Amino acid sequence: MCRQIVVANSAKENLFKAAAYLDARQEEKAKQVAFDFLELTEKIDYNKYYESMGAVSGQKAAEYSKFSKKAAIAAAAKLDEFFALMDRDQLEAARSQVMAFADPAPEAEVVTDDSGASTGEVATGFSDGYEAEQ
């Protein structure tokens, strides 16, 4: 599977190629999650999502920033959901190939609760450590 996913910077193409390795039912679920992820990532890009609004400042800019942050958090959760559908061994093989080119890993993030106190857990997924604002 890892050798087939070689299109740089094409999340859609790479997610769909990865989904193709799943059984039919899982593939459909993975494709739906991928579509959701891609839709959410579009919302992160202020210029693309709000281009019809023209220049904004002040309170509106803050609202758009919060909206984009929520979209980024939701997109990360969708990516975690997508990866959960993948074969563990294949996922680890792909991860090791990517990590061979990555910068040294920062220290693990500790998950905190609403009060800022440590929960004793270490963040492991894309969405871990981030919470959507209520």
N, C-alpha and C. Protein backbone atom coordinates (compact mmCIF):
# COMPACT_ATOMS: atom_id res chain seq x y z
N MET A 1 0.83 -1.18 0.00
CA MET A 1 0.00 0.00 0.00
C MET A 1 0.88 1.25 0.00
N CYS A 2 1.93 1.28 0.78
CA CYS A 2 2.75 2.48 0.93
C CYS A 2 3.33 2.95 -0.39
N ARG A 3 3.75 2.03 -1.23
CA ARG A 3 4.38 2.41 -2.50
C ARG A 3 3.38 3.03 -3.47
N GLN A 4 2.10 2.76 -3.29
CA GLN A 4 1.09 3.28 -4.20
C GLN A 4 0.70 4.72 -3.88
N ILE A 5 0.97 5.16 -2.70
CA ILE A 5 0.56 6.50 -2.28
C ILE A 5 1.76 7.42 -2.42
N VAL A 6 1.91 7.98 -3.60
CA VAL A 6 3.11 8.77 -3.88
C VAL A 6 2.81 10.17 -4.40
N VAL A 7 1.56 10.54 -4.52
CA VAL A 7 1.24 11.86 -5.05
C VAL A 7 1.40 12.88 -3.93
N ALA A 8 2.43 13.69 -4.06
CA ALA A 8 2.72 14.68 -3.03
C ALA A 8 1.65 15.76 -3.01
N ASN A 9 1.26 16.15 -1.82
CA ASN A 9 0.33 17.26 -1.61
C ASN A 9 -1.04 17.07 -2.27
N SER A 10 -1.47 15.84 -2.44
CA SER A 10 -2.81 15.58 -2.96
C SER A 10 -3.54 14.70 -1.94
N ALA A 11 -4.09 15.34 -0.94
CA ALA A 11 -4.77 14.59 0.12
C ALA A 11 -5.89 13.74 -0.45
N LYS A 12 -6.67 14.30 -1.34
CA LYS A 12 -7.81 13.56 -1.90
C LYS A 12 -7.34 12.28 -2.59
N GLU A 13 -6.40 12.43 -3.49
CA GLU A 13 -5.92 11.27 -4.24
C GLU A 13 -5.30 10.23 -3.31
N ASN A 14 -4.50 10.67 -2.37
CA ASN A 14 -3.84 9.73 -1.47
C ASN A 14 -4.83 9.04 -0.53
N LEU A 15 -5.82 9.77 -0.02
CA LEU A 15 -6.82 9.14 0.85
C LEU A 15 -7.64 8.11 0.09
N PHE A 16 -8.01 8.42 -1.14
CA PHE A 16 -8.80 7.48 -1.92
C PHE A 16 -7.99 6.25 -2.33
N LYS A 17 -6.70 6.42 -2.60
CA LYS A 17 -5.85 5.28 -2.90
C LYS A 17 -5.73 4.38 -1.68
N ALA A 18 -5.58 4.97 -0.52
CA ALA A 18 -5.49 4.17 0.72
C ALA A 18 -6.81 3.44 0.98
N ALA A 19 -7.93 4.11 0.77
CA ALA A 19 -9.24 3.50 1.00
C ALA A 19 -9.47 2.31 0.09
N ALA A 20 -8.89 2.33 -1.10
CA ALA A 20 -9.08 1.25 -2.07
C ALA A 20 -8.54 -0.09 -1.57
N TYR A 21 -7.68 -0.08 -0.57
CA TYR A 21 -7.12 -1.31 -0.03
C TYR A 21 -8.02 -1.97 1.02
N LEU A 22 -9.10 -1.32 1.36
CA LEU A 22 -10.03 -1.86 2.35
C LEU A 22 -11.10 -2.70 1.67
N ASP A 23 -11.81 -3.51 2.48
CA ASP A 23 -12.94 -4.26 1.90
C ASP A 23 -14.02 -3.25 1.50
N ALA A 24 -14.99 -3.69 0.71
CA ALA A 24 -15.97 -2.77 0.10
C ALA A 24 -16.71 -1.91 1.12
N ARG A 25 -17.16 -2.51 2.22
CA ARG A 25 -17.90 -1.75 3.23
C ARG A 25 -17.00 -0.72 3.91
N GLN A 26 -15.81 -1.16 4.28
CA GLN A 26 -14.85 -0.25 4.92
C GLN A 26 -14.41 0.85 3.95
N GLU A 27 -14.27 0.50 2.67
CA GLU A 27 -13.85 1.47 1.67
C GLU A 27 -14.88 2.59 1.56
N GLU A 28 -16.15 2.24 1.53
CA GLU A 28 -17.20 3.26 1.46
C GLU A 28 -17.16 4.19 2.68
N LYS A 29 -16.98 3.59 3.85
CA LYS A 29 -16.89 4.39 5.08
C LYS A 29 -15.67 5.32 5.01
N ALA A 30 -14.53 4.77 4.58
CA ALA A 30 -13.30 5.56 4.49
C ALA A 30 -13.46 6.71 3.49
N LYS A 31 -14.12 6.45 2.37
CA LYS A 31 -14.32 7.51 1.38
C LYS A 31 -15.21 8.61 1.93
N GLN A 32 -16.24 8.24 2.69
CA GLN A 32 -17.12 9.25 3.27
C GLN A 32 -16.35 10.10 4.29
N VAL A 33 -15.54 9.45 5.11
CA VAL A 33 -14.73 10.16 6.09
C VAL A 33 -13.73 11.07 5.36
N ALA A 34 -13.15 10.58 4.26
CA ALA A 34 -12.21 11.38 3.47
C ALA A 34 -12.90 12.62 2.90
N PHE A 35 -14.12 12.43 2.37
CA PHE A 35 -14.87 13.58 1.85
C PHE A 35 -15.12 14.61 2.97
N ASP A 36 -15.51 14.11 4.14
CA ASP A 36 -15.74 15.02 5.27
C ASP A 36 -14.47 15.78 5.63
N PHE A 37 -13.35 15.06 5.67
CA PHE A 37 -12.06 15.67 5.97
C PHE A 37 -11.73 16.76 4.95
N LEU A 38 -11.89 16.44 3.67
CA LEU A 38 -11.57 17.40 2.61
C LEU A 38 -12.46 18.63 2.67
N GLU A 39 -13.73 18.43 2.98
CA GLU A 39 -14.66 19.55 3.12
C GLU A 39 -14.25 20.46 4.28
N LEU A 40 -13.86 19.84 5.37
CA LEU A 40 -13.44 20.62 6.54
C LEU A 40 -12.14 21.38 6.26
N THR A 41 -11.22 20.77 5.54
CA THR A 41 -9.96 21.47 5.24
C THR A 41 -10.21 22.67 4.34
N GLU A 42 -11.22 22.60 3.49
CA GLU A 42 -11.57 23.76 2.65
C GLU A 42 -12.01 24.93 3.53
N LYS A 43 -12.69 24.63 4.63
CA LYS A 43 -13.19 25.67 5.51
C LYS A 43 -12.07 26.37 6.29
N ILE A 44 -10.93 25.73 6.38
CA ILE A 44 -9.80 26.30 7.11
C ILE A 44 -9.21 27.48 6.35
N ASP A 45 -9.20 27.41 5.04
CA ASP A 45 -8.60 28.43 4.19
C ASP A 45 -9.51 29.66 4.10
N TYR A 46 -9.18 30.68 4.83
CA TYR A 46 -9.97 31.90 4.87
C TYR A 46 -10.20 32.46 3.46
N ASN A 47 -9.13 32.54 2.68
CA ASN A 47 -9.24 33.15 1.35
C ASN A 47 -10.17 32.37 0.43
N LYS A 48 -10.18 31.07 0.57
CA LYS A 48 -11.03 30.25 -0.28
C LYS A 48 -12.47 30.25 0.21
N TYR A 49 -12.65 30.12 1.51
CA TYR A 49 -14.00 29.97 2.07
C TYR A 49 -14.74 31.30 2.16
N TYR A 50 -14.01 32.37 2.41
CA TYR A 50 -14.65 33.68 2.60
C TYR A 50 -14.29 34.69 1.51
N GLU A 51 -13.81 34.20 0.36
CA GLU A 51 -13.34 35.14 -0.67
C GLU A 51 -14.42 36.11 -1.13
N SER A 52 -15.68 35.71 -1.06
CA SER A 52 -16.76 36.60 -1.49
C SER A 52 -17.03 37.71 -0.48
N MET A 53 -16.47 37.60 0.72
CA MET A 53 -16.74 38.58 1.77
C MET A 53 -15.87 39.83 1.64
N GLY A 54 -14.78 39.75 0.88
CA GLY A 54 -13.89 40.89 0.78
C GLY A 54 -13.07 41.04 2.05
N ALA A 55 -12.42 42.17 2.20
CA ALA A 55 -11.58 42.41 3.37
C ALA A 55 -12.44 42.59 4.62
N VAL A 56 -12.01 41.97 5.70
CA VAL A 56 -12.70 42.11 6.98
C VAL A 56 -11.68 42.43 8.06
N SER A 57 -12.16 42.98 9.16
CA SER A 57 -11.26 43.27 10.27
C SER A 57 -12.03 43.18 11.57
N GLY A 58 -11.31 43.28 12.65
CA GLY A 58 -11.92 43.32 13.97
C GLY A 58 -12.69 42.08 14.34
N GLN A 59 -13.92 42.27 14.81
CA GLN A 59 -14.76 41.20 15.32
C GLN A 59 -15.01 40.11 14.27
N LYS A 60 -15.27 40.52 13.02
CA LYS A 60 -15.53 39.55 11.96
C LYS A 60 -14.31 38.66 11.73
N ALA A 61 -13.13 39.25 11.73
CA ALA A 61 -11.90 38.48 11.54
C ALA A 61 -11.72 37.48 12.68
N ALA A 62 -12.05 37.89 13.89
CA ALA A 62 -11.95 36.98 15.04
C ALA A 62 -12.94 35.82 14.90
N GLU A 63 -14.15 36.12 14.44
CA GLU A 63 -15.15 35.07 14.22
C GLU A 63 -14.67 34.08 13.17
N TYR A 64 -14.12 34.58 12.08
CA TYR A 64 -13.62 33.70 11.03
C TYR A 64 -12.46 32.86 11.54
N SER A 65 -11.62 33.46 12.38
CA SER A 65 -10.50 32.72 12.95
C SER A 65 -10.99 31.57 13.82
N LYS A 66 -11.99 31.82 14.65
CA LYS A 66 -12.56 30.76 15.49
C LYS A 66 -13.19 29.68 14.63
N PHE A 67 -13.90 30.07 13.58
CA PHE A 67 -14.52 29.12 12.68
C PHE A 67 -13.46 28.23 12.03
N SER A 68 -12.38 28.83 11.55
CA SER A 68 -11.30 28.07 10.92
C SER A 68 -10.65 27.13 11.91
N LYS A 69 -10.48 27.57 13.15
CA LYS A 69 -9.88 26.72 14.18
C LYS A 69 -10.77 25.50 14.44
N LYS A 70 -12.08 25.72 14.53
CA LYS A 70 -13.01 24.60 14.74
C LYS A 70 -12.95 23.63 13.57
N ALA A 71 -12.86 24.16 12.36
CA ALA A 71 -12.77 23.31 11.17
C ALA A 71 -11.48 22.49 11.19
N ALA A 72 -10.39 23.10 11.62
CA ALA A 72 -9.11 22.39 11.69
C ALA A 72 -9.17 21.26 12.73
N ILE A 73 -9.78 21.52 13.86
CA ILE A 73 -9.92 20.51 14.90
C ILE A 73 -10.79 19.36 14.40
N ALA A 74 -11.90 19.70 13.75
CA ALA A 74 -12.79 18.67 13.22
C ALA A 74 -12.11 17.87 12.11
N ALA A 75 -11.32 18.54 11.26
CA ALA A 75 -10.60 17.84 10.19
C ALA A 75 -9.58 16.86 10.78
N ALA A 76 -8.89 17.27 11.83
CA ALA A 76 -7.93 16.38 12.49
C ALA A 76 -8.63 15.14 13.05
N ALA A 77 -9.80 15.33 13.62
CA ALA A 77 -10.57 14.21 14.16
C ALA A 77 -11.00 13.27 13.03
N LYS A 78 -11.38 13.82 11.88
CA LYS A 78 -11.76 13.00 10.72
C LYS A 78 -10.56 12.21 10.21
N LEU A 79 -9.39 12.82 10.22
CA LEU A 79 -8.19 12.11 9.79
C LEU A 79 -7.88 10.95 10.74
N ASP A 80 -8.05 11.18 12.04
CA ASP A 80 -7.88 10.09 13.01
C ASP A 80 -8.89 8.97 12.73
N GLU A 81 -10.13 9.35 12.42
CA GLU A 81 -11.18 8.36 12.11
C GLU A 81 -10.81 7.56 10.86
N PHE A 82 -10.27 8.24 9.86
CA PHE A 82 -9.84 7.56 8.63
C PHE A 82 -8.74 6.56 8.94
N PHE A 83 -7.74 7.00 9.69
CA PHE A 83 -6.62 6.11 10.02
C PHE A 83 -7.06 4.91 10.85
N ALA A 84 -8.08 5.08 11.66
CA ALA A 84 -8.58 3.97 12.48
C ALA A 84 -9.15 2.85 11.61
N LEU A 85 -9.54 3.14 10.40
CA LEU A 85 -10.07 2.13 9.48
C LEU A 85 -8.97 1.33 8.79
N MET A 86 -7.77 1.84 8.81
CA MET A 86 -6.66 1.21 8.09
C MET A 86 -6.08 0.03 8.87
N ASP A 87 -5.47 -0.89 8.14
CA ASP A 87 -4.75 -2.01 8.74
C ASP A 87 -3.60 -1.46 9.58
N ARG A 88 -3.50 -1.92 10.83
CA ARG A 88 -2.48 -1.40 11.75
C ARG A 88 -1.07 -1.56 11.21
N ASP A 89 -0.75 -2.74 10.66
CA ASP A 89 0.61 -2.97 10.16
C ASP A 89 0.93 -2.06 8.98
N GLN A 90 -0.03 -1.91 8.06
CA GLN A 90 0.18 -1.04 6.92
C GLN A 90 0.31 0.42 7.35
N LEU A 91 -0.49 0.81 8.32
CA LEU A 91 -0.43 2.18 8.83
C LEU A 91 0.93 2.46 9.46
N GLU A 92 1.42 1.52 10.23
CA GLU A 92 2.73 1.70 10.86
C GLU A 92 3.84 1.73 9.81
N ALA A 93 3.71 0.91 8.76
CA ALA A 93 4.70 0.92 7.69
C ALA A 93 4.71 2.27 6.98
N ALA A 94 3.53 2.79 6.70
CA ALA A 94 3.43 4.11 6.06
C ALA A 94 3.99 5.19 6.97
N ARG A 95 3.64 5.11 8.24
CA ARG A 95 4.11 6.11 9.21
C ARG A 95 5.65 6.10 9.29
N SER A 96 6.25 4.91 9.28
CA SER A 96 7.71 4.84 9.38
C SER A 96 8.37 5.42 8.14
N GLN A 97 7.73 5.26 6.96
CA GLN A 97 8.29 5.86 5.74
C GLN A 97 8.23 7.37 5.80
N VAL A 98 7.14 7.90 6.29
CA VAL A 98 6.99 9.34 6.39
C VAL A 98 7.93 9.90 7.45
N MET A 99 8.03 9.22 8.57
CA MET A 99 8.86 9.71 9.67
C MET A 99 10.35 9.72 9.33
N ALA A 100 10.74 8.92 8.36
CA ALA A 100 12.14 8.91 7.95
C ALA A 100 12.56 10.27 7.39
N PHE A 101 11.59 11.05 6.89
CA PHE A 101 11.88 12.35 6.32
C PHE A 101 11.44 13.51 7.20
N ALA A 102 10.89 13.20 8.35
CA ALA A 102 10.34 14.24 9.23
C ALA A 102 11.43 14.88 10.08
N ASP A 103 11.14 16.08 10.53
CA ASP A 103 12.00 16.74 11.51
C ASP A 103 11.94 15.93 12.80
N PRO A 104 12.94 16.08 13.66
CA PRO A 104 12.87 15.37 14.94
C PRO A 104 11.57 15.69 15.67
N ALA A 105 10.99 14.68 16.27
CA ALA A 105 9.70 14.84 16.94
C ALA A 105 9.83 15.73 18.17
N PRO A 106 8.86 16.61 18.35
CA PRO A 106 8.86 17.39 19.59
C PRO A 106 8.47 16.47 20.73
N GLU A 107 8.69 16.93 21.94
CA GLU A 107 8.30 16.11 23.08
C GLU A 107 6.81 15.88 23.06
N ALA A 108 6.38 14.72 23.54
CA ALA A 108 4.96 14.36 23.52
C ALA A 108 4.15 15.37 24.32
N GLU A 109 2.99 15.69 23.76
CA GLU A 109 2.08 16.62 24.42
C GLU A 109 1.25 15.87 25.44
N VAL A 110 1.09 16.45 26.59
CA VAL A 110 0.24 15.86 27.62
C VAL A 110 -1.14 16.46 27.48
N VAL A 111 -2.16 15.59 27.50
CA VAL A 111 -3.54 16.03 27.38
C VAL A 111 -3.99 16.66 28.69
N THR A 112 -4.69 17.80 28.59
CA THR A 112 -5.17 18.48 29.79
C THR A 112 -6.69 18.54 29.76
N ASP A 113 -7.28 18.70 30.93
CA ASP A 113 -8.74 18.85 31.00
C ASP A 113 -9.09 20.33 30.90
N ASP A 114 -10.37 20.66 31.07
CA ASP A 114 -10.83 22.04 30.93
C ASP A 114 -10.16 23.01 31.89
N SER A 115 -9.72 22.53 33.03
CA SER A 115 -9.09 23.42 34.01
C SER A 115 -7.59 23.58 33.74
N GLY A 116 -7.07 22.83 32.76
CA GLY A 116 -5.64 22.92 32.45
C GLY A 116 -4.81 21.88 33.18
N ALA A 117 -5.46 21.06 34.01
CA ALA A 117 -4.74 20.02 34.74
C ALA A 117 -4.48 18.83 33.84
N SER A 118 -3.34 18.19 34.01
CA SER A 118 -2.97 17.03 33.20
C SER A 118 -3.91 15.87 33.49
N THR A 119 -4.31 15.17 32.42
CA THR A 119 -5.15 13.98 32.58
C THR A 119 -4.29 12.73 32.73
N GLY A 120 -2.98 12.88 32.55
CA GLY A 120 -2.07 11.75 32.63
C GLY A 120 -1.93 11.01 31.31
N GLU A 121 -2.67 11.46 30.28
CA GLU A 121 -2.60 10.84 28.97
C GLU A 121 -1.64 11.62 28.08
N VAL A 122 -1.10 10.92 27.08
CA VAL A 122 -0.23 11.55 26.10
C VAL A 122 -0.99 11.60 24.79
N ALA A 123 -0.95 12.76 24.12
CA ALA A 123 -1.64 12.92 22.84
C ALA A 123 -1.00 12.00 21.81
N THR A 124 -1.84 11.23 21.07
CA THR A 124 -1.30 10.30 20.08
C THR A 124 -1.84 10.53 18.68
N GLY A 125 -3.01 11.13 18.52
CA GLY A 125 -3.61 11.32 17.20
C GLY A 125 -3.51 12.76 16.77
N PHE A 126 -3.98 13.03 15.58
CA PHE A 126 -3.97 14.41 15.07
C PHE A 126 -4.86 15.31 15.91
N SER A 127 -5.96 14.78 16.40
CA SER A 127 -6.92 15.62 17.11
C SER A 127 -6.70 15.61 18.63
N ASP A 128 -5.84 14.74 19.13
CA ASP A 128 -5.60 14.69 20.57
C ASP A 128 -4.99 15.99 21.06
N GLY A 129 -5.45 16.44 22.20
CA GLY A 129 -4.90 17.65 22.79
C GLY A 129 -5.62 18.90 22.36
N TYR A 130 -6.56 18.77 21.43
CA TYR A 130 -7.32 19.92 20.96
C TYR A 130 -8.79 19.68 21.26
N GLU A 131 -9.46 20.71 21.67
CA GLU A 131 -10.89 20.61 21.95
C GLU A 131 -11.59 21.74 21.24
N ALA A 132 -12.72 21.43 20.68
CA ALA A 132 -13.51 22.49 20.04
C ALA A 132 -14.06 23.41 21.12
N GLU A 133 -14.05 24.70 20.82
CA GLU A 133 -14.59 25.66 21.76
C GLU A 133 -16.11 25.57 21.75
N GLN A 134 -16.71 25.68 22.89
CA GLN A 134 -18.17 25.56 22.99
C GLN A 134 -18.83 26.86 22.64
